PDB file of N, CA and C in Angstrom:
ATOM      1  N   MET A   1       0.837  -1.173   0.000  1.00  0.00           N
ATOM      2  CA  MET A   1       0.000   0.000   0.000  1.00  0.00           C
ATOM      3  C   MET A   1       0.887   1.244   0.000  1.00  0.00           C
ATOM      4  N   ALA A   2       0.512   2.248  -0.769  1.00  0.00           N
ATOM      5  CA  ALA A   2       1.306   3.468  -0.838  1.00  0.00           C
ATOM      6  C   ALA A   2       1.162   4.270   0.448  1.00  0.00           C
ATOM      7  N   VAL A   3       2.300   4.741   0.957  1.00  0.00           N
ATOM      8  CA  VAL A   3       2.313   5.542   2.171  1.00  0.00           C
ATOM      9  C   VAL A   3       3.028   6.849   1.856  1.00  0.00           C
ATOM     10  N   PRO A   4       2.449   8.013   2.198  1.00  0.00           N
ATOM     11  CA  PRO A   4       3.116   9.274   1.907  1.00  0.00           C
ATOM     12  C   PRO A   4       4.400   9.425   2.711  1.00  0.00           C
ATOM     13  N   LYS A   5       5.424   9.992   2.073  1.00  0.00           N
ATOM     14  CA  LYS A   5       6.716  10.181   2.727  1.00  0.00           C
ATOM     15  C   LYS A   5       6.683  11.368   3.690  1.00  0.00           C
ATOM     16  N   ARG A   6       5.900  12.398   3.352  1.00  0.00           N
ATOM     17  CA  ARG A   6       5.820  13.602   4.177  1.00  0.00           C
ATOM     18  C   ARG A   6       4.356  13.927   4.489  1.00  0.00           C
ATOM     19  N   LYS A   7       4.163  14.646   5.590  1.00  0.00           N
ATOM     20  CA  LYS A   7       2.823  15.080   5.976  1.00  0.00           C
ATOM     21  C   LYS A   7       2.321  16.122   4.977  1.00  0.00           C
ATOM     22  N   MET A   8       1.060  15.969   4.552  1.00  0.00           N
ATOM     23  CA  MET A   8       0.484  16.947   3.634  1.00  0.00           C
ATOM     24  C   MET A   8      -0.026  18.130   4.447  1.00  0.00           C
ATOM     25  N   SER A   9       0.301  19.337   4.014  1.00  0.00           N
ATOM     26  CA  SER A   9      -0.085  20.547   4.748  1.00  0.00           C
ATOM     27  C   SER A   9      -1.610  20.718   4.730  1.00  0.00           C
ATOM     28  N   ARG A  10      -2.115  21.510   5.674  1.00  0.00           N
ATOM     29  CA  ARG A  10      -3.550  21.775   5.731  1.00  0.00           C
ATOM     30  C   ARG A  10      -4.018  22.474   4.458  1.00  0.00           C
ATOM     31  N   SER A  11      -3.182  23.386   3.967  1.00  0.00           N
ATOM     32  CA  SER A  11      -3.549  24.131   2.764  1.00  0.00           C
ATOM     33  C   SER A  11      -3.730  23.187   1.575  1.00  0.00           C
ATOM     34  N   ASN A  12      -2.778  22.290   1.375  1.00  0.00           N
ATOM     35  CA  ASN A  12      -2.879  21.349   0.252  1.00  0.00           C
ATOM     36  C   ASN A  12      -4.057  20.400   0.432  1.00  0.00           C
ATOM     37  N   THR A  13      -4.273  19.958   1.666  1.00  0.00           N
ATOM     38  CA  THR A  13      -5.397  19.057   1.938  1.00  0.00           C
ATOM     39  C   THR A  13      -6.714  19.744   1.614  1.00  0.00           C
ATOM     40  N   ARG A  14      -6.854  20.995   2.046  1.00  0.00           N
ATOM     41  CA  ARG A  14      -8.106  21.709   1.830  1.00  0.00           C
ATOM     42  C   ARG A  14      -8.309  22.059   0.360  1.00  0.00           C
ATOM     43  N   HIS A  15      -7.231  22.361  -0.350  1.00  0.00           N
ATOM     44  CA  HIS A  15      -7.345  22.617  -1.788  1.00  0.00           C
ATOM     45  C   HIS A  15      -7.811  21.359  -2.513  1.00  0.00           C
ATOM     46  N   ARG A  16      -7.315  20.209  -2.109  1.00  0.00           N
ATOM     47  CA  ARG A  16      -7.709  18.949  -2.736  1.00  0.00           C
ATOM     48  C   ARG A  16      -9.166  18.630  -2.417  1.00  0.00           C
ATOM     49  N   ARG A  17      -9.548  18.802  -1.151  1.00  0.00           N
ATOM     50  CA  ARG A  17     -10.919  18.480  -0.743  1.00  0.00           C
ATOM     51  C   ARG A  17     -11.939  19.449  -1.311  1.00  0.00           C
ATOM     52  N   ALA A  18     -11.519  20.641  -1.674  1.00  0.00           N
ATOM     53  CA  ALA A  18     -12.438  21.636  -2.232  1.00  0.00           C
ATOM     54  C   ALA A  18     -13.007  21.183  -3.574  1.00  0.00           C
ATOM     55  N   GLN A  19     -12.356  20.219  -4.236  1.00  0.00           N
ATOM     56  CA  GLN A  19     -12.822  19.739  -5.535  1.00  0.00           C
ATOM     57  C   GLN A  19     -13.959  18.723  -5.404  1.00  0.00           C
ATOM     58  N   TRP A  20     -14.173  18.182  -4.201  1.00  0.00           N
ATOM     59  CA  TRP A  20     -15.239  17.202  -3.986  1.00  0.00           C
ATOM     60  C   TRP A  20     -16.554  17.946  -3.799  1.00  0.00           C
ATOM     61  N   LYS A  21     -17.362  17.983  -4.850  1.00  0.00           N
ATOM     62  CA  LYS A  21     -18.625  18.710  -4.788  1.00  0.00           C
ATOM     63  C   LYS A  21     -19.787  17.766  -5.087  1.00  0.00           C
ATOM     64  N   ALA A  22     -20.887  18.012  -4.440  1.00  0.00           N
ATOM     65  CA  ALA A  22     -22.106  17.260  -4.744  1.00  0.00           C
ATOM     66  C   ALA A  22     -22.727  17.857  -6.001  1.00  0.00           C
ATOM     67  N   SER A  23     -23.262  16.991  -6.857  1.00  0.00           N
ATOM     68  CA  SER A  23     -23.898  17.483  -8.077  1.00  0.00           C
ATOM     69  C   SER A  23     -25.415  17.324  -7.968  1.00  0.00           C
ATOM     70  N   VAL A  24     -26.128  18.192  -8.626  1.00  0.00           N
ATOM     71  CA  VAL A  24     -27.584  18.144  -8.633  1.00  0.00           C
ATOM     72  C   VAL A  24     -28.019  16.954  -9.487  1.00  0.00           C
ATOM     73  N   PRO A  25     -28.939  16.095  -9.005  1.00  0.00           N
ATOM     74  CA  PRO A  25     -29.368  14.954  -9.809  1.00  0.00           C
ATOM     75  C   PRO A  25     -30.112  15.404 -11.060  1.00  0.00           C
ATOM     76  N   GLN A  26     -29.857  14.727 -12.169  1.00  0.00           N
ATOM     77  CA  GLN A  26     -30.538  15.031 -13.422  1.00  0.00           C
ATOM     78  C   GLN A  26     -31.962  14.479 -13.343  1.00  0.00           C
ATOM     79  N   LEU A  27     -32.931  15.269 -13.759  1.00  0.00           N
ATOM     80  CA  LEU A  27     -34.330  14.861 -13.698  1.00  0.00           C
ATOM     81  C   LEU A  27     -34.925  14.826 -15.094  1.00  0.00           C
ATOM     82  N   THR A  28     -35.835  13.867 -15.320  1.00  0.00           N
ATOM     83  CA  THR A  28     -36.539  13.762 -16.596  1.00  0.00           C
ATOM     84  C   THR A  28     -38.030  13.700 -16.315  1.00  0.00           C
ATOM     85  N   PRO A  29     -38.860  14.167 -17.239  1.00  0.00           N
ATOM     86  CA  PRO A  29     -40.313  14.113 -16.997  1.00  0.00           C
ATOM     87  C   PRO A  29     -40.848  12.689 -17.130  1.00  0.00           C
ATOM     88  N   CYS A  30     -41.773  12.340 -16.257  1.00  0.00           N
ATOM     89  CA  CYS A  30     -42.437  11.036 -16.296  1.00  0.00           C
ATOM     90  C   CYS A  30     -43.389  11.011 -17.496  1.00  0.00           C
ATOM     91  N   PRO A  31     -43.598   9.842 -18.139  1.00  0.00           N
ATOM     92  CA  PRO A  31     -44.503   9.778 -19.288  1.00  0.00           C
ATOM     93  C   PRO A  31     -45.990   9.903 -18.935  1.00  0.00           C
ATOM     94  N   CYS A  32     -46.337   9.916 -17.648  1.00  0.00           N
ATOM     95  CA  CYS A  32     -47.743  10.042 -17.262  1.00  0.00           C
ATOM     96  C   CYS A  32     -48.246  11.458 -17.563  1.00  0.00           C
ATOM     97  N   PRO A  33     -49.540  11.690 -17.544  1.00  0.00           N
ATOM     98  CA  PRO A  33     -50.089  13.015 -17.872  1.00  0.00           C
ATOM     99  C   PRO A  33     -49.606  14.146 -16.958  1.00  0.00           C
ATOM    100  N   ARG A  34     -49.225  13.831 -15.718  1.00  0.00           N
ATOM    101  CA  ARG A  34     -48.777  14.877 -14.792  1.00  0.00           C
ATOM    102  C   ARG A  34     -47.385  15.393 -15.130  1.00  0.00           C
ATOM    103  N   LYS A  35     -46.593  14.612 -15.863  1.00  0.00           N
ATOM    104  CA  LYS A  35     -45.217  14.985 -16.246  1.00  0.00           C
ATOM    105  C   LYS A  35     -44.366  15.344 -15.031  1.00  0.00           C
ATOM    106  N   GLU A  36     -44.495  14.559 -13.961  1.00  0.00           N
ATOM    107  CA  GLU A  36     -43.717  14.808 -12.763  1.00  0.00           C
ATOM    108  C   GLU A  36     -42.248  14.481 -13.023  1.00  0.00           C
ATOM    109  N   MET A  37     -41.334  15.274 -12.465  1.00  0.00           N
ATOM    110  CA  MET A  37     -39.910  15.084 -12.691  1.00  0.00           C
ATOM    111  C   MET A  37     -39.400  13.939 -11.813  1.00  0.00           C
ATOM    112  N   VAL A  38     -38.691  12.981 -12.423  1.00  0.00           N
ATOM    113  CA  VAL A  38     -38.163  11.823 -11.710  1.00  0.00           C
ATOM    114  C   VAL A  38     -36.705  11.612 -12.093  1.00  0.00           C
ATOM    115  N   VAL A  39     -35.972  10.917 -11.220  1.00  0.00           N
ATOM    116  CA  VAL A  39     -34.582  10.561 -11.487  1.00  0.00           C
ATOM    117  C   VAL A  39     -34.583   9.472 -12.563  1.00  0.00           C
ATOM    118  N   PRO A  40     -33.695   9.542 -13.564  1.00  0.00           N
ATOM    119  CA  PRO A  40     -33.682   8.518 -14.607  1.00  0.00           C
ATOM    120  C   PRO A  40     -33.418   7.117 -14.043  1.00  0.00           C
ATOM    121  N   HIS A  41     -33.937   6.107 -14.701  1.00  0.00           N
ATOM    122  CA  HIS A  41     -33.762   4.689 -14.351  1.00  0.00           C
ATOM    123  C   HIS A  41     -34.379   4.345 -13.000  1.00  0.00           C
ATOM    124  N   ARG A  42     -35.417   5.089 -12.602  1.00  0.00           N
ATOM    125  CA  ARG A  42     -36.169   4.794 -11.383  1.00  0.00           C
ATOM    126  C   ARG A  42     -37.651   4.854 -11.728  1.00  0.00           C
ATOM    127  N   ALA A  43     -38.457   4.082 -11.010  1.00  0.00           N
ATOM    128  CA  ALA A  43     -39.901   4.142 -11.210  1.00  0.00           C
ATOM    129  C   ALA A  43     -40.426   5.458 -10.643  1.00  0.00           C
ATOM    130  N   CYS A  44     -41.449   5.998 -11.279  1.00  0.00           N
ATOM    131  CA  CYS A  44     -42.067   7.254 -10.831  1.00  0.00           C
ATOM    132  C   CYS A  44     -42.728   7.011  -9.471  1.00  0.00           C
ATOM    133  N   THR A  45     -42.475   7.905  -8.516  1.00  0.00           N
ATOM    134  CA  THR A  45     -43.061   7.734  -7.188  1.00  0.00           C
ATOM    135  C   THR A  45     -44.547   8.064  -7.176  1.00  0.00           C
ATOM    136  N   HIS A  46     -45.007   8.843  -8.151  1.00  0.00           N
ATOM    137  CA  HIS A  46     -46.412   9.241  -8.199  1.00  0.00           C
ATOM    138  C   HIS A  46     -47.285   8.159  -8.841  1.00  0.00           C
ATOM    139  N   CYS A  47     -46.902   7.708 -10.044  1.00  0.00           N
ATOM    140  CA  CYS A  47     -47.767   6.791 -10.787  1.00  0.00           C
ATOM    141  C   CYS A  47     -47.228   5.354 -10.863  1.00  0.00           C
ATOM    142  N   GLY A  48     -45.946   5.120 -10.542  1.00  0.00           N
ATOM    143  CA  GLY A  48     -45.385   3.770 -10.564  1.00  0.00           C
ATOM    144  C   GLY A  48     -44.987   3.291 -11.944  1.00  0.00           C
ATOM    145  N   LEU A  49     -44.872   4.187 -12.925  1.00  0.00           N
ATOM    146  CA  LEU A  49     -44.465   3.800 -14.277  1.00  0.00           C
ATOM    147  C   LEU A  49     -42.948   3.758 -14.403  1.00  0.00           C
ATOM    148  N   TYR A  50     -42.464   2.788 -15.193  1.00  0.00           N
ATOM    149  CA  TYR A  50     -41.048   2.720 -15.550  1.00  0.00           C
ATOM    150  C   TYR A  50     -40.964   2.239 -16.988  1.00  0.00           C
ATOM    151  N   LYS A  51     -40.338   3.021 -17.838  1.00  0.00           N
ATOM    152  CA  LYS A  51     -40.221   2.723 -19.271  1.00  0.00           C
ATOM    153  C   LYS A  51     -41.594   2.476 -19.895  1.00  0.00           C
ATOM    154  N   GLY A  52     -42.596   3.253 -19.461  1.00  0.00           N
ATOM    155  CA  GLY A  52     -43.914   3.186 -20.062  1.00  0.00           C
ATOM    156  C   GLY A  52     -44.807   2.060 -19.573  1.00  0.00           C
ATOM    157  N   ARG A  53     -44.367   1.264 -18.612  1.00  0.00           N
ATOM    158  CA  ARG A  53     -45.228   0.199 -18.097  1.00  0.00           C
ATOM    159  C   ARG A  53     -45.325   0.284 -16.574  1.00  0.00           C
ATOM    160  N   GLN A  54     -46.423  -0.239 -16.040  1.00  0.00           N
ATOM    161  CA  GLN A  54     -46.711  -0.189 -14.603  1.00  0.00           C
ATOM    162  C   GLN A  54     -45.858  -1.234 -13.878  1.00  0.00           C
ATOM    163  N   VAL A  55     -44.985  -0.791 -12.958  1.00  0.00           N
ATOM    164  CA  VAL A  55     -44.148  -1.734 -12.229  1.00  0.00           C
ATOM    165  C   VAL A  55     -44.392  -1.688 -10.718  1.00  0.00           C
ATOM    166  N   VAL A  56     -45.013  -0.596 -10.243  1.00  0.00           N
ATOM    167  CA  VAL A  56     -45.296  -0.460  -8.807  1.00  0.00           C
ATOM    168  C   VAL A  56     -46.768  -0.157  -8.650  1.00  0.00           C
ATOM    169  N   GLU A  57     -47.428  -0.888  -7.751  1.00  0.00           N
ATOM    170  CA  GLU A  57     -48.847  -0.634  -7.475  1.00  0.00           C
ATOM    171  C   GLU A  57     -49.001   0.648  -6.669  1.00  0.00           C
ATOM    172  N   GLN A  58     -49.866   1.522  -7.113  1.00  0.00           N
ATOM    173  CA  GLN A  58     -50.142   2.766  -6.408  1.00  0.00           C
ATOM    174  C   GLN A  58     -51.556   2.726  -5.854  1.00  0.00           C
ATOM    175  N   PRO A  59     -51.742   3.140  -4.577  1.00  0.00           N
ATOM    176  CA  PRO A  59     -53.088   3.098  -3.984  1.00  0.00           C
ATOM    177  C   PRO A  59     -54.019   4.138  -4.561  1.00  0.00           C
TER     178      PRO A  59
END
């Protein structure tokens, strides 16, 4: 396993960690009439549709 030879300074550590950012999830409209925005490759939480077919029972 690689082990650093010298201690990394706080400045360098913080500069490196500053690049780790959370990204906003991409949303696509559901094919149902409401056109609710959903995360791709997931079933719609409102109507239960995935790729145009019913996969989750909704009450």
